[in-house]
Full PDB file with SEQRES, HELIX, SHEET, SSBOND, CRYST1, ORIGX, SCALE, CONECT and MASTER records, all heavy atoms in Angstrom:
SEQRES   1 A   35  ASP MET PRO VAL ALA ASP PHE LYS ARG GLY ASP VAL VAL          
SEQRES   2 A   35  VAL PHE VAL SER ALA GLY ASP GLU HIS SER THR GLY GLY          
SEQRES   3 A   35  GLU VAL VAL ASP ILE ARG LYS ASP THR                          
HELIX    1 AA1 VAL A    4  ASP A    6  5                                   3    
SHEET    1 AA1 2 VAL A  12  VAL A  16  0                                        
SHEET    2 AA1 2 HIS A  22  GLU A  27 -1                                        
CRYST1    1.000    1.000    1.000  90.00  90.00  90.00 P 1           1          
ORIGX1      1.000000  0.000000  0.000000        0.00000                         
ORIGX2      0.000000  1.000000  0.000000        0.00000                         
ORIGX3      0.000000  0.000000  1.000000        0.00000                         
SCALE1      1.000000  0.000000  0.000000        0.00000                         
SCALE2      0.000000  1.000000  0.000000        0.00000                         
SCALE3      0.000000  0.000000  1.000000        0.00000                         
ATOM      1  N   ASP A   1     128.118 110.368  97.857  1.00  0.00           N  
ATOM      2  CA  ASP A   1     128.780 110.423  96.626  1.00  0.00           C  
ATOM      3  C   ASP A   1     127.924 110.589  95.422  1.00  0.00           C  
ATOM      4  O   ASP A   1     128.175 109.981  94.424  1.00  0.00           O  
ATOM      5  CB  ASP A   1     129.669 109.072  96.516  1.00  0.00           C  
ATOM      6  CG  ASP A   1     130.711 108.839  97.490  1.00  0.00           C  
ATOM      7  OD1 ASP A   1     131.131 109.882  98.217  1.00  0.00           O  
ATOM      8  OD2 ASP A   1     131.069 107.767  97.739  1.00  0.00           O  
ATOM      9  N   MET A   2     126.909 111.509  95.536  1.00  0.00           N  
ATOM     10  CA  MET A   2     126.127 111.803  94.450  1.00  0.00           C  
ATOM     11  C   MET A   2     125.447 113.142  94.561  1.00  0.00           C  
ATOM     12  O   MET A   2     125.363 113.637  95.672  1.00  0.00           O  
ATOM     13  CB  MET A   2     125.005 110.714  94.317  1.00  0.00           C  
ATOM     14  CG  MET A   2     124.034 110.552  95.374  1.00  0.00           C  
ATOM     15  SD  MET A   2     122.911 109.187  95.293  1.00  0.00           S  
ATOM     16  CE  MET A   2     122.751 108.892  93.588  1.00  0.00           C  
ATOM     17  N   PRO A   3     124.974 113.751  93.496  1.00  0.00           N  
ATOM     18  CA  PRO A   3     124.247 115.049  93.630  1.00  0.00           C  
ATOM     19  C   PRO A   3     122.902 114.911  94.282  1.00  0.00           C  
ATOM     20  O   PRO A   3     121.969 114.487  93.469  1.00  0.00           O  
ATOM     21  CB  PRO A   3     124.270 115.482  92.117  1.00  0.00           C  
ATOM     22  CG  PRO A   3     124.220 114.321  91.324  1.00  0.00           C  
ATOM     23  CD  PRO A   3     125.040 113.211  92.085  1.00  0.00           C  
ATOM     24  N   VAL A   4     122.717 115.117  95.526  1.00  0.00           N  
ATOM     25  CA  VAL A   4     121.494 114.948  96.207  1.00  0.00           C  
ATOM     26  C   VAL A   4     120.266 115.895  95.602  1.00  0.00           C  
ATOM     27  O   VAL A   4     119.135 115.559  95.783  1.00  0.00           O  
ATOM     28  CB  VAL A   4     121.542 115.022  97.646  1.00  0.00           C  
ATOM     29  CG1 VAL A   4     122.554 113.943  98.198  1.00  0.00           C  
ATOM     30  CG2 VAL A   4     122.018 116.443  98.109  1.00  0.00           C  
ATOM     31  N   ALA A   5     120.675 116.996  95.023  1.00  0.00           N  
ATOM     32  CA  ALA A   5     119.752 118.003  94.543  1.00  0.00           C  
ATOM     33  C   ALA A   5     118.951 117.324  93.443  1.00  0.00           C  
ATOM     34  O   ALA A   5     117.803 117.859  93.075  1.00  0.00           O  
ATOM     35  CB  ALA A   5     120.451 119.236  94.146  1.00  0.00           C  
ATOM     36  N   ASP A   6     119.471 116.356  92.708  1.00  0.00           N  
ATOM     37  CA  ASP A   6     118.734 115.692  91.609  1.00  0.00           C  
ATOM     38  C   ASP A   6     117.709 114.674  92.063  1.00  0.00           C  
ATOM     39  O   ASP A   6     117.007 114.047  91.186  1.00  0.00           O  
ATOM     40  CB  ASP A   6     119.729 114.969  90.706  1.00  0.00           C  
ATOM     41  CG  ASP A   6     120.685 116.002  90.064  1.00  0.00           C  
ATOM     42  OD1 ASP A   6     120.403 117.218  90.025  1.00  0.00           O  
ATOM     43  OD2 ASP A   6     121.723 115.529  89.591  1.00  0.00           O  
ATOM     44  N   PHE A   7     117.499 114.583  93.291  1.00  0.00           N  
ATOM     45  CA  PHE A   7     116.442 113.456  93.920  1.00  0.00           C  
ATOM     46  C   PHE A   7     115.427 114.191  94.623  1.00  0.00           C  
ATOM     47  O   PHE A   7     115.476 115.209  95.120  1.00  0.00           O  
ATOM     48  CB  PHE A   7     117.289 112.535  94.841  1.00  0.00           C  
ATOM     49  CG  PHE A   7     118.178 111.547  94.179  1.00  0.00           C  
ATOM     50  CD1 PHE A   7     119.396 111.868  93.646  1.00  0.00           C  
ATOM     51  CD2 PHE A   7     117.766 110.344  93.829  1.00  0.00           C  
ATOM     52  CE1 PHE A   7     120.274 111.090  93.090  1.00  0.00           C  
ATOM     53  CE2 PHE A   7     118.503 109.397  93.206  1.00  0.00           C  
ATOM     54  CZ  PHE A   7     119.847 109.791  92.770  1.00  0.00           C  
ATOM     55  N   LYS A   8     114.291 113.345  94.650  1.00  0.00           N  
ATOM     56  CA  LYS A   8     113.133 113.803  95.430  1.00  0.00           C  
ATOM     57  C   LYS A   8     112.589 112.664  96.140  1.00  0.00           C  
ATOM     58  O   LYS A   8     112.855 111.446  95.719  1.00  0.00           O  
ATOM     59  CB  LYS A   8     112.184 114.506  94.585  1.00  0.00           C  
ATOM     60  CG  LYS A   8     111.440 113.642  93.528  1.00  0.00           C  
ATOM     61  CD  LYS A   8     110.482 114.463  92.649  1.00  0.00           C  
ATOM     62  CE  LYS A   8     109.756 113.646  91.584  1.00  0.00           C  
ATOM     63  NZ  LYS A   8     110.495 112.605  90.950  1.00  0.00           N  
ATOM     64  N   ARG A   9     111.806 112.803  97.160  1.00  0.00           N  
ATOM     65  CA  ARG A   9     111.210 111.732  97.955  1.00  0.00           C  
ATOM     66  C   ARG A   9     110.229 110.983  96.973  1.00  0.00           C  
ATOM     67  O   ARG A   9     109.632 111.572  96.134  1.00  0.00           O  
ATOM     68  CB  ARG A   9     110.314 112.214  99.060  1.00  0.00           C  
ATOM     69  CG  ARG A   9     111.238 112.725 100.197  1.00  0.00           C  
ATOM     70  CD  ARG A   9     110.401 113.066 101.386  1.00  0.00           C  
ATOM     71  NE  ARG A   9     111.308 113.464 102.500  1.00  0.00           N  
ATOM     72  CZ  ARG A   9     110.969 114.201 103.407  1.00  0.00           C  
ATOM     73  NH1 ARG A   9     109.787 114.884 103.437  1.00  0.00           N  
ATOM     74  NH2 ARG A   9     111.928 114.442 104.404  1.00  0.00           N  
ATOM     75  N   GLY A  10     110.352 109.571  97.078  1.00  0.00           N  
ATOM     76  CA  GLY A  10     109.485 108.738  96.272  1.00  0.00           C  
ATOM     77  C   GLY A  10     110.274 108.213  95.042  1.00  0.00           C  
ATOM     78  O   GLY A  10     109.765 107.337  94.373  1.00  0.00           O  
ATOM     79  N   ASP A  11     111.456 108.781  94.708  1.00  0.00           N  
ATOM     80  CA  ASP A  11     112.304 108.306  93.617  1.00  0.00           C  
ATOM     81  C   ASP A  11     112.520 106.731  93.841  1.00  0.00           C  
ATOM     82  O   ASP A  11     112.827 106.342  94.925  1.00  0.00           O  
ATOM     83  CB  ASP A  11     113.552 109.030  93.366  1.00  0.00           C  
ATOM     84  CG  ASP A  11     113.358 110.388  92.685  1.00  0.00           C  
ATOM     85  OD1 ASP A  11     112.236 110.650  92.199  1.00  0.00           O  
ATOM     86  OD2 ASP A  11     114.201 111.166  92.748  1.00  0.00           O  
ATOM     87  N   VAL A  12     112.358 105.974  92.797  1.00  0.00           N  
ATOM     88  CA  VAL A  12     112.611 104.597  92.863  1.00  0.00           C  
ATOM     89  C   VAL A  12     114.153 104.315  92.383  1.00  0.00           C  
ATOM     90  O   VAL A  12     114.473 104.837  91.413  1.00  0.00           O  
ATOM     91  CB  VAL A  12     111.638 103.822  91.942  1.00  0.00           C  
ATOM     92  CG1 VAL A  12     111.971 102.325  91.965  1.00  0.00           C  
ATOM     93  CG2 VAL A  12     110.263 104.051  92.454  1.00  0.00           C  
ATOM     94  N   VAL A  13     114.798 103.424  93.216  1.00  0.00           N  
ATOM     95  CA  VAL A  13     116.140 103.172  92.920  1.00  0.00           C  
ATOM     96  C   VAL A  13     116.427 101.635  93.001  1.00  0.00           C  
ATOM     97  O   VAL A  13     115.553 100.856  93.418  1.00  0.00           O  
ATOM     98  CB  VAL A  13     117.052 103.890  93.867  1.00  0.00           C  
ATOM     99  CG1 VAL A  13     116.896 105.358  93.788  1.00  0.00           C  
ATOM    100  CG2 VAL A  13     116.814 103.403  95.308  1.00  0.00           C  
ATOM    101  N   VAL A  14     117.494 101.262  92.366  1.00  0.00           N  
ATOM    102  CA  VAL A  14     117.967  99.815  92.676  1.00  0.00           C  
ATOM    103  C   VAL A  14     119.340  99.799  93.185  1.00  0.00           C  
ATOM    104  O   VAL A  14     120.128 100.718  93.070  1.00  0.00           O  
ATOM    105  CB  VAL A  14     117.955  99.029  91.270  1.00  0.00           C  
ATOM    106  CG1 VAL A  14     116.532  98.932  90.781  1.00  0.00           C  
ATOM    107  CG2 VAL A  14     118.801  99.644  90.278  1.00  0.00           C  
ATOM    108  N   PHE A  15     119.687  98.734  93.796  1.00  0.00           N  
ATOM    109  CA  PHE A  15     120.983  98.527  94.469  1.00  0.00           C  
ATOM    110  C   PHE A  15     121.718  97.512  93.622  1.00  0.00           C  
ATOM    111  O   PHE A  15     121.127  96.439  93.266  1.00  0.00           O  
ATOM    112  CB  PHE A  15     120.965  98.181  95.935  1.00  0.00           C  
ATOM    113  CG  PHE A  15     120.224  99.222  96.751  1.00  0.00           C  
ATOM    114  CD1 PHE A  15     119.021  99.260  97.003  1.00  0.00           C  
ATOM    115  CD2 PHE A  15     121.092 100.277  97.241  1.00  0.00           C  
ATOM    116  CE1 PHE A  15     118.287 100.232  97.754  1.00  0.00           C  
ATOM    117  CE2 PHE A  15     120.455 101.249  97.969  1.00  0.00           C  
ATOM    118  CZ  PHE A  15     119.136 101.258  98.268  1.00  0.00           C  
ATOM    119  N   VAL A  16     123.003  97.788  93.451  1.00  0.00           N  
ATOM    120  CA  VAL A  16     123.874  96.792  92.683  1.00  0.00           C  
ATOM    121  C   VAL A  16     125.150  96.461  93.479  1.00  0.00           C  
ATOM    122  O   VAL A  16     125.732  97.462  94.035  1.00  0.00           O  
ATOM    123  CB  VAL A  16     124.286  97.511  91.330  1.00  0.00           C  
ATOM    124  CG1 VAL A  16     125.208  96.565  90.489  1.00  0.00           C  
ATOM    125  CG2 VAL A  16     123.097  97.931  90.493  1.00  0.00           C  
ATOM    126  N   SER A  17     125.471  95.232  93.505  1.00  0.00           N  
ATOM    127  CA  SER A  17     126.553  94.710  94.266  1.00  0.00           C  
ATOM    128  C   SER A  17     127.810  94.739  93.447  1.00  0.00           C  
ATOM    129  O   SER A  17     127.749  95.037  92.236  1.00  0.00           O  
ATOM    130  CB  SER A  17     126.281  93.377  94.948  1.00  0.00           C  
ATOM    131  OG  SER A  17     126.186  92.442  93.893  1.00  0.00           O  
ATOM    132  N   ALA A  18     128.975  94.298  94.119  1.00  0.00           N  
ATOM    133  CA  ALA A  18     130.259  94.334  93.358  1.00  0.00           C  
ATOM    134  C   ALA A  18     130.227  93.467  92.065  1.00  0.00           C  
ATOM    135  O   ALA A  18     130.919  93.684  91.098  1.00  0.00           O  
ATOM    136  CB  ALA A  18     131.389  93.775  94.301  1.00  0.00           C  
ATOM    137  N   GLY A  19     129.372  92.351  92.081  1.00  0.00           N  
ATOM    138  CA  GLY A  19     129.400  91.464  90.855  1.00  0.00           C  
ATOM    139  C   GLY A  19     128.420  92.061  89.839  1.00  0.00           C  
ATOM    140  O   GLY A  19     127.922  91.154  89.010  1.00  0.00           O  
ATOM    141  N   ASP A  20     127.978  93.135  90.056  1.00  0.00           N  
ATOM    142  CA  ASP A  20     127.016  93.753  89.046  1.00  0.00           C  
ATOM    143  C   ASP A  20     125.599  93.056  89.120  1.00  0.00           C  
ATOM    144  O   ASP A  20     124.862  92.856  88.170  1.00  0.00           O  
ATOM    145  CB  ASP A  20     127.506  93.827  87.537  1.00  0.00           C  
ATOM    146  CG  ASP A  20     126.659  94.828  86.704  1.00  0.00           C  
ATOM    147  OD1 ASP A  20     126.037  95.596  87.156  1.00  0.00           O  
ATOM    148  OD2 ASP A  20     126.558  94.597  85.485  1.00  0.00           O  
ATOM    149  N   GLU A  21     125.390  92.515  90.346  1.00  0.00           N  
ATOM    150  CA  GLU A  21     124.119  91.860  90.547  1.00  0.00           C  
ATOM    151  C   GLU A  21     123.194  92.751  91.394  1.00  0.00           C  
ATOM    152  O   GLU A  21     123.522  93.540  92.125  1.00  0.00           O  
ATOM    153  CB  GLU A  21     124.376  90.626  91.502  1.00  0.00           C  
ATOM    154  CG  GLU A  21     125.323  89.644  90.896  1.00  0.00           C  
ATOM    155  CD  GLU A  21     125.780  88.624  91.892  1.00  0.00           C  
ATOM    156  OE1 GLU A  21     125.401  88.751  93.050  1.00  0.00           O  
ATOM    157  OE2 GLU A  21     126.562  87.738  91.579  1.00  0.00           O  
ATOM    158  N   HIS A  22     121.915  92.689  91.016  1.00  0.00           N  
ATOM    159  CA  HIS A  22     120.856  93.509  91.516  1.00  0.00           C  
ATOM    160  C   HIS A  22     120.594  92.887  92.977  1.00  0.00           C  
ATOM    161  O   HIS A  22     120.274  91.681  93.034  1.00  0.00           O  
ATOM    162  CB  HIS A  22     119.610  93.622  90.820  1.00  0.00           C  
ATOM    163  CG  HIS A  22     119.800  94.383  89.576  1.00  0.00           C  
ATOM    164  ND1 HIS A  22     119.796  95.770  89.449  1.00  0.00           N  
ATOM    165  CD2 HIS A  22     120.102  93.898  88.221  1.00  0.00           C  
ATOM    166  CE1 HIS A  22     119.996  96.115  88.225  1.00  0.00           C  
ATOM    167  NE2 HIS A  22     120.235  95.059  87.488  1.00  0.00           N  
ATOM    168  N   SER A  23     120.762  93.799  94.037  1.00  0.00           N  
ATOM    169  CA  SER A  23     120.336  93.239  95.388  1.00  0.00           C  
ATOM    170  C   SER A  23     118.883  93.350  95.500  1.00  0.00           C  
ATOM    171  O   SER A  23     118.198  92.318  95.756  1.00  0.00           O  
ATOM    172  CB  SER A  23     121.013  94.061  96.440  1.00  0.00           C  
ATOM    173  OG  SER A  23     122.243  94.481  96.190  1.00  0.00           O  
ATOM    174  N   THR A  24     118.356  94.453  95.491  1.00  0.00           N  
ATOM    175  CA  THR A  24     116.953  94.809  95.604  1.00  0.00           C  
ATOM    176  C   THR A  24     116.671  96.182  95.204  1.00  0.00           C  
ATOM    177  O   THR A  24     117.543  96.906  94.909  1.00  0.00           O  
ATOM    178  CB  THR A  24     116.466  94.483  97.102  1.00  0.00           C  
ATOM    179  OG1 THR A  24     115.066  94.510  97.231  1.00  0.00           O  
ATOM    180  CG2 THR A  24     117.105  95.438  98.086  1.00  0.00           C  
ATOM    181  N   GLY A  25     115.399  96.613  95.225  1.00  0.00           N  
ATOM    182  CA  GLY A  25     115.079  98.005  94.972  1.00  0.00           C  
ATOM    183  C   GLY A  25     114.704  98.795  96.268  1.00  0.00           C  
ATOM    184  O   GLY A  25     114.798  98.280  97.346  1.00  0.00           O  
ATOM    185  N   GLY A  26     114.426 100.068  96.043  1.00  0.00           N  
ATOM    186  CA  GLY A  26     114.004 100.893  97.178  1.00  0.00           C  
ATOM    187  C   GLY A  26     113.394 102.222  96.755  1.00  0.00           C  
ATOM    188  O   GLY A  26     113.236 102.453  95.510  1.00  0.00           O  
ATOM    189  N   GLU A  27     113.073 102.951  97.742  1.00  0.00           N  
ATOM    190  CA  GLU A  27     112.381 104.216  97.499  1.00  0.00           C  
ATOM    191  C   GLU A  27     113.011 105.293  98.398  1.00  0.00           C  
ATOM    192  O   GLU A  27     113.292 105.043  99.603  1.00  0.00           O  
ATOM    193  CB  GLU A  27     110.912 104.153  97.836  1.00  0.00           C  
ATOM    194  CG  GLU A  27     110.153 105.400  97.571  1.00  0.00           C  
ATOM    195  CD  GLU A  27     108.665 105.238  97.923  1.00  0.00           C  
ATOM    196  OE1 GLU A  27     108.180 104.139  97.784  1.00  0.00           O  
ATOM    197  OE2 GLU A  27     108.045 106.227  98.329  1.00  0.00           O  
ATOM    198  N   VAL A  28     113.369 106.499  97.783  1.00  0.00           N  
ATOM    199  CA  VAL A  28     113.983 107.552  98.499  1.00  0.00           C  
ATOM    200  C   VAL A  28     112.917 108.051  99.617  1.00  0.00           C  
ATOM    201  O   VAL A  28     111.774 108.363  99.244  1.00  0.00           O  
ATOM    202  CB  VAL A  28     114.378 108.718  97.616  1.00  0.00           C  
ATOM    203  CG1 VAL A  28     114.804 109.885  98.385  1.00  0.00           C  
ATOM    204  CG2 VAL A  28     115.406 108.237  96.676  1.00  0.00           C  
ATOM    205  N   VAL A  29     113.339 108.062 100.798  1.00  0.00           N  
ATOM    206  CA  VAL A  29     112.415 108.569 101.945  1.00  0.00           C  
ATOM    207  C   VAL A  29     112.909 109.838 102.546  1.00  0.00           C  
ATOM    208  O   VAL A  29     112.063 110.595 103.246  1.00  0.00           O  
ATOM    209  CB  VAL A  29     112.202 107.513 102.941  1.00  0.00           C  
ATOM    210  CG1 VAL A  29     111.447 106.268 102.401  1.00  0.00           C  
ATOM    211  CG2 VAL A  29     113.461 107.092 103.647  1.00  0.00           C  
ATOM    212  N   ASP A  30     114.131 110.288 102.367  1.00  0.00           N  
ATOM    213  CA  ASP A  30     114.613 111.486 103.014  1.00  0.00           C  
ATOM    214  C   ASP A  30     115.841 111.929 102.202  1.00  0.00           C  
ATOM    215  O   ASP A  30     116.659 111.112 101.704  1.00  0.00           O  
ATOM    216  CB  ASP A  30     115.000 111.298 104.473  1.00  0.00           C  
ATOM    217  CG  ASP A  30     115.130 112.602 105.262  1.00  0.00           C  
ATOM    218  OD1 ASP A  30     114.646 113.580 104.782  1.00  0.00           O  
ATOM    219  OD2 ASP A  30     115.946 112.598 106.219  1.00  0.00           O  
ATOM    220  N   ILE A  31     115.979 113.320 102.136  1.00  0.00           N  
ATOM    221  CA  ILE A  31     117.152 113.812 101.473  1.00  0.00           C  
ATOM    222  C   ILE A  31     117.721 114.809 102.494  1.00  0.00           C  
ATOM    223  O   ILE A  31     117.104 115.793 102.998  1.00  0.00           O  
ATOM    224  CB  ILE A  31     116.735 114.550 100.177  1.00  0.00           C  
ATOM    225  CG1 ILE A  31     116.019 113.615  99.265  1.00  0.00           C  
ATOM    226  CG2 ILE A  31     117.852 115.199  99.439  1.00  0.00           C  
ATOM    227  CD1 ILE A  31     115.245 114.212  98.147  1.00  0.00           C  
ATOM    228  N   ARG A  32     119.099 114.661 102.636  1.00  0.00           N  
ATOM    229  CA  ARG A  32     119.789 115.535 103.560  1.00  0.00           C  
ATOM    230  C   ARG A  32     120.819 116.353 102.763  1.00  0.00           C  
ATOM    231  O   ARG A  32     120.854 116.298 101.489  1.00  0.00           O  
ATOM    232  CB  ARG A  32     120.625 114.699 104.676  1.00  0.00           C  
ATOM    233  CG  ARG A  32     119.704 113.881 105.402  1.00  0.00           C  
ATOM    234  CD  ARG A  32     119.064 114.545 106.561  1.00  0.00           C  
ATOM    235  NE  ARG A  32     118.132 113.730 107.274  1.00  0.00           N  
ATOM    236  CZ  ARG A  32     117.988 113.769 108.536  1.00  0.00           C  
ATOM    237  NH1 ARG A  32     118.704 114.634 109.238  1.00  0.00           N  
ATOM    238  NH2 ARG A  32     117.102 113.058 109.061  1.00  0.00           N  
ATOM    239  N   LYS A  33     121.643 117.051 103.434  1.00  0.00           N  
ATOM    240  CA  LYS A  33     122.648 118.010 102.781  1.00  0.00           C  
ATOM    241  C   LYS A  33     123.604 117.199 101.777  1.00  0.00           C  
ATOM    242  O   LYS A  33     123.810 117.708 100.673  1.00  0.00           O  
ATOM    243  CB  LYS A  33     123.439 118.671 103.909  1.00  0.00           C  
ATOM    244  CG  LYS A  33     124.561 119.554 103.373  1.00  0.00           C  
ATOM    245  CD  LYS A  33     125.287 120.156 104.541  1.00  0.00           C  
ATOM    246  CE  LYS A  33     126.722 120.624 104.044  1.00  0.00           C  
ATOM    247  NZ  LYS A  33     127.424 121.095 105.270  1.00  0.00           N  
ATOM    248  N   ASP A  34     123.968 116.071 102.179  1.00  0.00           N  
ATOM    249  CA  ASP A  34     124.925 115.304 101.399  1.00  0.00           C  
ATOM    250  C   ASP A  34     124.612 113.809 101.345  1.00  0.00           C  
ATOM    251  O   ASP A  34     125.449 113.090 100.818  1.00  0.00           O  
ATOM    252  CB  ASP A  34     126.354 115.509 101.723  1.00  0.00           C  
ATOM    253  CG  ASP A  34     126.642 115.197 103.260  1.00  0.00           C  
ATOM    254  OD1 ASP A  34     125.666 114.785 103.964  1.00  0.00           O  
ATOM    255  OD2 ASP A  34     127.876 115.334 103.658  1.00  0.00           O  
ATOM    256  N   THR A  35     123.485 113.326 101.865  1.00  0.00           N  
ATOM    257  CA  THR A  35     123.098 111.952 101.761  1.00  0.00           C  
ATOM    258  C   THR A  35     121.663 111.817 101.431  1.00  0.00           C  
ATOM    259  O   THR A  35     120.871 112.730 101.614  1.00  0.00           O  
ATOM    260  CB  THR A  35     123.324 111.222 103.066  1.00  0.00           C  
ATOM    261  OG1 THR A  35     122.661 111.842 104.056  1.00  0.00           O  
ATOM    262  CG2 THR A  35     124.892 111.188 103.453  1.00  0.00           C  
TER     263      THR A  35                                                      
MASTER        0    0    0    1    2    0    0    6  262    1    0    3          
END                                                                             
């Protein structure tokens, strides 16, 4: 559900849960057609 073309490997991201709480962070390791 996002424009994958705007991402590259190594991009740093954070995860947010339903309560607008940060779960943890992560790093992009692979980019596919739509995920």
